[in-house]
Amino acid sequence: MVLTGTLVNGLAIVVAAVVGLLVRNIPEKMKTTTMQGIALAVVVLGIGMTQKSEQFLIVIGSLVIGGIIGEQIDIEERLNRVGAWIETKVGAKEDGAVAKAFVTATLIYVVGAMAILGALDSGLRGDHSVLYTKSLLDGFSALIFTSTLGIGVIFSAIPVVLYQGGIALLATQINQYVPTVLMDSFIVEMTATGGVMIIAIGLNILGILKIRVANLLPSILVVAVLVTAMYYFA
């Protein structure tokens, strides 16, 4: 089934988050050190992703244009509102905790090459191996995130399933319309652009900066437009 990998990924996040809720009596120092370790690993992952770019001007242009669009729409605030609404339903004790956990986990699980590449593999070839691997990684991080950030992490499974599932379903038809060379170029530049956002997420977790990463998400769509324009007109 086309959506098998996506559903396994969502289930892994939910199960791991539930386990994380059961082991929340971890000492505060251990939580802090663990989160800092994860944040540093996220930054390193992002740096590696940015180095894959073959046209870094596309990455810069996409982030600038995407950031302008994102600030106009204010995606970050909308996601925070969703998190706040969830807080009212689950009766969170700490204001903003669920929203922070939901937004942080959602961005980490959605912004990345594995999410798109895995979903494309599921749709194009029925190969779910990339998403199975991502499920293991997401599950482990969901356990840690939930034990430190709280229950909001579990709700990140919803956008993950919708996002990856949508790509997988679209991919069943996309190869009929998009040349392979164009798709490969998009994936490379999308990976690099996503890498910059992944670095920003890591810096946010470390508390070094407060970057509205969600407002940079339109950059991914801008990458598609710029890469397509260069393919046909450059």
Protein backbone atom coordinates (compact mmCIF):
# COMPACT_ATOMS: atom_id res chain seq x y z
CA MET A 1 0.00 0.00 0.00
CA VAL A 2 1.28 3.48 -0.90
CA LEU A 3 0.72 4.87 2.60
CA THR A 4 2.27 2.00 4.56
CA GLY A 5 5.56 3.78 5.28
CA THR A 6 3.80 7.00 6.27
CA LEU A 7 1.40 5.22 8.64
CA VAL A 8 4.27 3.31 10.26
CA ASN A 9 6.11 6.61 10.74
CA GLY A 10 3.09 8.22 12.43
CA LEU A 11 2.53 5.18 14.62
CA ALA A 12 6.20 5.14 15.68
CA ILE A 13 5.92 8.75 16.88
CA VAL A 14 2.72 8.05 18.82
CA VAL A 15 4.02 4.89 20.50
CA ALA A 16 7.38 6.45 21.37
CA ALA A 17 5.67 9.57 22.72
CA VAL A 18 3.46 7.44 24.99
CA VAL A 19 6.56 5.68 26.31
CA GLY A 20 8.17 9.09 26.81
CA LEU A 21 5.22 10.16 28.97
CA LEU A 22 5.78 7.12 31.19
CA VAL A 23 9.45 7.89 31.82
CA ARG A 24 9.14 11.59 32.61
CA ASN A 25 10.75 11.15 36.02
CA ILE A 26 14.16 11.53 34.40
CA PRO A 27 16.41 13.89 36.42
CA GLU A 28 16.35 17.49 35.16
CA LYS A 29 20.11 17.59 34.54
CA MET A 30 19.89 14.44 32.45
CA LYS A 31 17.01 15.91 30.40
CA THR A 32 18.95 19.12 29.78
CA THR A 33 22.11 17.34 28.71
CA THR A 34 20.17 14.94 26.48
CA MET A 35 18.27 17.77 24.78
CA GLN A 36 21.49 19.69 24.23
CA GLY A 37 23.05 16.60 22.68
CA ILE A 38 20.08 16.16 20.36
CA ALA A 39 20.15 19.86 19.46
CA LEU A 40 23.84 19.67 18.55
CA ALA A 41 23.19 16.55 16.46
CA VAL A 42 20.35 18.38 14.69
CA VAL A 43 22.68 21.30 13.89
CA VAL A 44 25.33 18.93 12.47
CA LEU A 45 22.65 17.16 10.41
CA GLY A 46 21.52 20.50 9.01
CA ILE A 47 25.07 21.53 8.12
CA GLY A 48 25.52 18.27 6.22
CA MET A 49 22.28 18.85 4.33
CA THR A 50 23.25 22.39 3.29
CA GLN A 51 26.47 21.13 1.72
CA LYS A 52 24.52 19.11 -0.85
CA SER A 53 23.47 22.26 -2.75
CA GLU A 54 24.76 22.69 -6.31
CA GLN A 55 23.26 26.19 -6.70
CA PHE A 56 23.43 27.86 -3.29
CA LEU A 57 21.97 31.08 -4.71
CA ILE A 58 18.72 29.13 -5.08
CA VAL A 59 18.86 28.30 -1.38
CA ILE A 60 19.47 31.94 -0.42
CA GLY A 61 16.79 33.26 -2.77
CA SER A 62 14.28 30.67 -1.58
CA LEU A 63 14.87 31.50 2.07
CA VAL A 64 14.49 35.24 1.44
CA ILE A 65 11.33 34.95 -0.66
CA GLY A 66 9.92 32.13 1.46
CA GLY A 67 10.61 34.07 4.64
CA ILE A 68 8.72 37.09 3.31
CA ILE A 69 5.74 34.92 2.36
CA GLY A 70 5.87 33.04 5.66
CA GLU A 71 5.91 36.25 7.70
CA GLN A 72 2.94 37.58 5.75
CA ILE A 73 0.99 34.39 6.43
CA ASP A 74 2.57 34.02 9.90
CA ILE A 75 2.68 30.23 9.81
CA GLU A 76 4.49 30.09 13.16
CA GLU A 77 1.64 31.88 14.90
CA ARG A 78 -0.94 29.63 13.26
CA LEU A 79 0.92 26.52 14.42
CA ASN A 80 1.17 28.01 17.90
CA ARG A 81 -2.60 28.56 17.87
CA VAL A 82 -3.11 24.91 16.98
CA GLY A 83 -0.82 23.98 19.86
CA ALA A 84 -2.69 26.33 22.20
CA TRP A 85 -6.01 24.78 21.15
CA ILE A 86 -4.59 21.34 21.90
CA GLU A 87 -3.51 22.64 25.31
CA THR A 88 -7.10 23.58 26.15
CA LYS A 89 -8.23 20.06 25.21
CA VAL A 90 -5.59 18.16 27.18
CA GLY A 91 -5.56 20.54 30.14
CA ALA A 92 -1.86 21.33 30.06
CA LYS A 93 -0.55 22.73 33.35
CA GLU A 94 2.17 24.89 31.81
CA ASP A 95 1.02 27.57 29.36
CA GLY A 96 2.69 27.25 25.97
CA ALA A 97 4.34 23.90 26.74
CA VAL A 98 2.16 21.83 24.41
CA ALA A 99 2.41 24.41 21.62
CA LYS A 100 6.21 24.49 21.89
CA ALA A 101 6.49 20.70 21.87
CA PHE A 102 4.03 20.36 18.97
CA VAL A 103 5.71 23.00 16.77
CA THR A 104 9.27 21.85 17.53
CA ALA A 105 8.58 18.17 16.88
CA THR A 106 6.48 18.87 13.76
CA LEU A 107 9.20 20.98 12.16
CA ILE A 108 11.93 18.44 12.89
CA TYR A 109 9.92 15.53 11.50
CA VAL A 110 8.58 17.38 8.43
CA VAL A 111 11.49 19.61 7.38
CA GLY A 112 14.05 17.21 5.99
CA ALA A 113 15.10 15.18 3.01
CA MET A 114 13.98 11.84 4.44
CA ALA A 115 10.37 12.99 4.71
CA ILE A 116 10.16 13.89 1.02
CA LEU A 117 12.51 11.26 -0.37
CA GLY A 118 10.84 8.52 1.67
CA ALA A 119 7.36 9.59 0.61
CA LEU A 120 8.46 9.79 -3.04
CA ASP A 121 9.94 6.28 -2.83
CA SER A 122 6.67 5.02 -1.36
CA GLY A 123 4.63 6.58 -4.15
CA LEU A 124 6.93 5.97 -7.11
CA ARG A 125 8.34 2.52 -6.32
CA GLY A 126 6.33 1.19 -3.40
CA ASP A 127 9.60 1.11 -1.45
CA HIS A 128 9.07 2.12 2.20
CA SER A 129 12.61 1.45 3.46
CA VAL A 130 13.51 5.15 3.82
CA LEU A 131 10.37 5.88 5.82
CA TYR A 132 10.94 2.78 7.96
CA THR A 133 14.40 4.13 8.80
CA LYS A 134 12.92 7.57 9.48
CA SER A 135 10.36 5.90 11.75
CA LEU A 136 13.14 4.51 13.93
CA LEU A 137 14.86 7.89 14.14
CA ASP A 138 11.62 9.79 14.77
CA GLY A 139 10.51 7.26 17.36
CA PHE A 140 13.72 7.56 19.35
CA SER A 141 13.68 11.35 19.26
CA ALA A 142 9.93 11.42 20.09
CA LEU A 143 10.62 9.44 23.25
CA ILE A 144 13.30 11.92 24.34
CA PHE A 145 11.33 14.99 23.27
CA THR A 146 8.19 13.84 25.10
CA SER A 147 10.09 13.11 28.30
CA THR A 148 11.50 16.66 28.22
CA LEU A 149 8.98 18.82 26.30
CA GLY A 150 5.74 17.02 27.11
CA ILE A 151 2.63 15.58 25.51
CA GLY A 152 2.55 18.05 22.61
CA VAL A 153 5.03 15.85 20.72
CA ILE A 154 2.44 13.11 20.22
CA PHE A 155 0.25 15.42 18.12
CA SER A 156 3.07 16.00 15.63
CA ALA A 157 2.18 12.61 14.17
CA ILE A 158 -0.88 14.20 12.52
CA PRO A 159 0.93 16.71 10.25
CA VAL A 160 3.60 14.08 9.54
CA VAL A 161 1.01 11.63 8.22
CA LEU A 162 -0.84 14.31 6.24
CA TYR A 163 2.36 15.77 4.75
CA GLN A 164 4.14 12.53 3.83
CA GLY A 165 0.91 10.83 2.82
CA GLY A 166 0.07 13.70 0.47
CA ILE A 167 3.49 13.51 -1.17
CA ALA A 168 3.27 9.73 -1.53
CA LEU A 169 -0.13 9.93 -3.20
CA LEU A 170 1.03 12.75 -5.48
CA ALA A 171 4.16 10.78 -6.38
CA THR A 172 2.06 8.00 -7.91
CA GLN A 173 1.28 10.46 -10.72
CA ILE A 174 4.19 12.92 -10.66
CA ASN A 175 6.64 10.87 -12.73
CA GLN A 176 4.34 11.27 -15.72
CA TYR A 177 4.75 15.05 -15.69
CA VAL A 178 8.12 15.92 -14.08
CA PRO A 179 11.42 15.02 -15.82
CA THR A 180 13.81 12.96 -13.72
CA VAL A 181 16.61 15.54 -14.01
CA LEU A 182 14.29 18.29 -12.74
CA MET A 183 13.11 16.14 -9.83
CA ASP A 184 16.70 15.28 -8.87
CA SER A 185 17.70 18.95 -8.94
CA PHE A 186 14.70 19.90 -6.79
CA ILE A 187 15.52 17.25 -4.19
CA VAL A 188 19.14 18.45 -3.95
CA GLU A 189 18.24 22.12 -3.47
CA MET A 190 15.26 21.30 -1.24
CA THR A 191 17.57 19.24 0.97
CA ALA A 192 20.01 22.14 1.29
CA THR A 193 17.24 24.64 2.02
CA GLY A 194 15.72 22.29 4.58
CA GLY A 195 19.18 21.92 6.10
CA VAL A 196 19.30 25.64 6.89
CA MET A 197 15.95 25.33 8.67
CA ILE A 198 17.16 22.24 10.55
CA ILE A 199 20.15 24.26 11.82
CA ALA A 200 17.75 26.97 12.97
CA ILE A 201 15.68 24.39 14.86
CA GLY A 202 18.81 23.15 16.64
CA LEU A 203 19.76 26.69 17.64
CA ASN A 204 16.23 27.24 18.95
CA ILE A 205 16.40 24.10 21.08
CA LEU A 206 19.75 25.23 22.49
CA GLY A 207 18.19 28.58 23.34
CA ILE A 208 20.91 30.48 21.45
CA LEU A 209 18.40 32.22 19.16
CA LYS A 210 14.65 32.41 18.67
CA ILE A 211 14.12 31.89 14.95
CA ARG A 212 10.58 31.62 13.56
CA VAL A 213 11.45 28.54 11.54
CA ALA A 214 7.87 27.75 10.54
CA ASN A 215 7.72 31.07 8.71
CA LEU A 216 10.53 29.81 6.48
CA LEU A 217 8.54 26.75 5.32
CA PRO A 218 7.28 28.44 2.09
CA SER A 219 10.94 28.37 1.01
CA ILE A 220 10.45 24.74 -0.01
CA LEU A 221 7.78 25.77 -2.52
CA VAL A 222 9.95 28.64 -3.73
CA VAL A 223 12.76 26.13 -4.35
CA ALA A 224 10.43 24.19 -6.64
CA VAL A 225 9.56 27.35 -8.59
CA LEU A 226 13.18 28.53 -8.94
CA VAL A 227 14.54 25.11 -9.89
CA THR A 228 11.79 24.68 -12.49
CA ALA A 229 12.46 28.16 -13.91
CA MET A 230 16.18 27.44 -14.20
CA TYR A 231 15.52 24.06 -15.81
CA TYR A 232 13.34 25.46 -18.55
CA PHE A 233 14.80 28.93 -19.08
CA ALA A 234 18.44 28.97 -17.94
